[in-house]
Amino acid sequence: MSKRKQHAPELKVKVALEVLKDEETAAELASQFGVHPTMNHKWKRALLAGTSGMFGCGGRMRPEIDEEQVK
């Protein structure tokens, strides 16, 4: 029985950014990077979901207050 491949986070980001460029098809990117075409879309969604929180809602981020430190 074979184990699943473990891909480095750097590769995942690189593939996701290439998918976002939309210059090549999913099949072309999959063969170029040696991954399944489904993973291209999965990593793209993960990248977009992770970056959506970077820009917040325009205001300052409130610092988290630890009740133990306040006491």
C-alpha atoms as a PDB file:
ATOM      1  CA  MET A   1       0.000   0.000   0.000  1.00  0.00           C
ATOM      2  CA  SER A   2       1.349   3.434  -0.855  1.00  0.00           C
ATOM      3  CA  LYS A   3       1.118   6.531   1.272  1.00  0.00           C
ATOM      4  CA  ARG A   4      -0.208   9.827   0.038  1.00  0.00           C
ATOM      5  CA  LYS A   5       2.280  12.391  -1.175  1.00  0.00           C
ATOM      6  CA  GLN A   6       3.170  15.164   1.217  1.00  0.00           C
ATOM      7  CA  HIS A   7       3.676  18.432  -0.644  1.00  0.00           C
ATOM      8  CA  ALA A   8       5.690  21.306   0.767  1.00  0.00           C
ATOM      9  CA  PRO A   9       3.773  24.482   1.645  1.00  0.00           C
ATOM     10  CA  GLU A  10       6.002  26.435  -0.741  1.00  0.00           C
ATOM     11  CA  LEU A  11       4.908  24.218  -3.642  1.00  0.00           C
ATOM     12  CA  LYS A  12       1.251  24.611  -2.688  1.00  0.00           C
ATOM     13  CA  VAL A  13       1.524  28.395  -2.715  1.00  0.00           C
ATOM     14  CA  LYS A  14       3.421  28.378  -5.993  1.00  0.00           C
ATOM     15  CA  VAL A  15       0.799  26.172  -7.666  1.00  0.00           C
ATOM     16  CA  ALA A  16      -2.083  28.229  -6.239  1.00  0.00           C
ATOM     17  CA  LEU A  17      -0.561  31.462  -7.548  1.00  0.00           C
ATOM     18  CA  GLU A  18      -0.105  29.920 -10.981  1.00  0.00           C
ATOM     19  CA  VAL A  19      -3.749  28.846 -10.979  1.00  0.00           C
ATOM     20  CA  LEU A  20      -4.771  32.404 -10.087  1.00  0.00           C
ATOM     21  CA  LYS A  21      -2.831  33.747 -13.084  1.00  0.00           C
ATOM     22  CA  ASP A  22      -5.172  31.689 -15.296  1.00  0.00           C
ATOM     23  CA  GLU A  23      -2.593  31.443 -18.097  1.00  0.00           C
ATOM     24  CA  GLU A  24      -2.596  27.628 -18.309  1.00  0.00           C
ATOM     25  CA  THR A  25      -5.239  24.961 -17.850  1.00  0.00           C
ATOM     26  CA  ALA A  26      -5.522  22.909 -14.691  1.00  0.00           C
ATOM     27  CA  ALA A  27      -4.275  19.842 -16.551  1.00  0.00           C
ATOM     28  CA  GLU A  28      -1.210  21.676 -17.848  1.00  0.00           C
ATOM     29  CA  LEU A  29      -0.334  22.953 -14.379  1.00  0.00           C
ATOM     30  CA  ALA A  30      -0.905  19.520 -12.873  1.00  0.00           C
ATOM     31  CA  SER A  31       1.528  17.888 -15.260  1.00  0.00           C
ATOM     32  CA  GLN A  32       4.022  20.730 -14.872  1.00  0.00           C
ATOM     33  CA  PHE A  33       4.130  20.451 -11.065  1.00  0.00           C
ATOM     34  CA  GLY A  34       3.380  16.733 -10.776  1.00  0.00           C
ATOM     35  CA  VAL A  35       0.153  17.063  -8.784  1.00  0.00           C
ATOM     36  CA  HIS A  36      -3.445  16.032  -9.388  1.00  0.00           C
ATOM     37  CA  PRO A  37      -5.608  18.713 -11.088  1.00  0.00           C
ATOM     38  CA  THR A  38      -8.045  18.642  -8.172  1.00  0.00           C
ATOM     39  CA  MET A  39      -5.286  19.775  -5.833  1.00  0.00           C
ATOM     40  CA  ASN A  40      -4.787  22.907  -7.950  1.00  0.00           C
ATOM     41  CA  HIS A  41      -8.284  24.101  -7.156  1.00  0.00           C
ATOM     42  CA  LYS A  42      -8.154  22.986  -3.532  1.00  0.00           C
ATOM     43  CA  TRP A  43      -4.940  24.944  -2.894  1.00  0.00           C
ATOM     44  CA  LYS A  44      -6.322  27.978  -4.752  1.00  0.00           C
ATOM     45  CA  ARG A  45      -9.405  28.019  -2.474  1.00  0.00           C
ATOM     46  CA  ALA A  46      -7.198  27.620   0.609  1.00  0.00           C
ATOM     47  CA  LEU A  47      -4.990  30.506  -0.518  1.00  0.00           C
ATOM     48  CA  LEU A  48      -7.965  32.780  -1.134  1.00  0.00           C
ATOM     49  CA  ALA A  49      -9.592  31.843   2.175  1.00  0.00           C
ATOM     50  CA  GLY A  50      -6.374  32.475   4.093  1.00  0.00           C
ATOM     51  CA  THR A  51      -5.654  35.841   2.536  1.00  0.00           C
ATOM     52  CA  SER A  52      -9.145  37.260   2.975  1.00  0.00           C
ATOM     53  CA  GLY A  53      -8.451  37.989   6.644  1.00  0.00           C
ATOM     54  CA  MET A  54      -5.298  39.961   5.880  1.00  0.00           C
ATOM     55  CA  PHE A  55      -7.079  43.145   4.963  1.00  0.00           C
ATOM     56  CA  GLY A  56      -9.731  43.164   7.666  1.00  0.00           C
ATOM     57  CA  CYS A  57     -12.634  45.558   7.560  1.00  0.00           C
ATOM     58  CA  GLY A  58     -10.664  48.771   7.254  1.00  0.00           C
ATOM     59  CA  GLY A  59     -10.208  49.491  10.935  1.00  0.00           C
ATOM     60  CA  ARG A  60      -7.474  48.754  13.384  1.00  0.00           C
ATOM     61  CA  MET A  61      -7.287  45.313  14.821  1.00  0.00           C
ATOM     62  CA  ARG A  62      -8.276  45.239  18.449  1.00  0.00           C
ATOM     63  CA  PRO A  63      -5.638  43.674  20.679  1.00  0.00           C
ATOM     64  CA  GLU A  64      -6.705  40.582  22.517  1.00  0.00           C
ATOM     65  CA  ILE A  65      -6.916  41.312  26.218  1.00  0.00           C
ATOM     66  CA  ASP A  66      -5.879  38.577  28.588  1.00  0.00           C
ATOM     67  CA  GLU A  67      -7.947  38.788  31.775  1.00  0.00           C
ATOM     68  CA  GLU A  68      -5.111  37.233  33.775  1.00  0.00           C
ATOM     69  CA  GLN A  69      -2.731  40.044  32.841  1.00  0.00           C
ATOM     70  CA  VAL A  70      -5.316  42.725  33.638  1.00  0.00           C
ATOM     71  CA  LYS A  71      -5.730  41.398  37.206  1.00  0.00           C
END
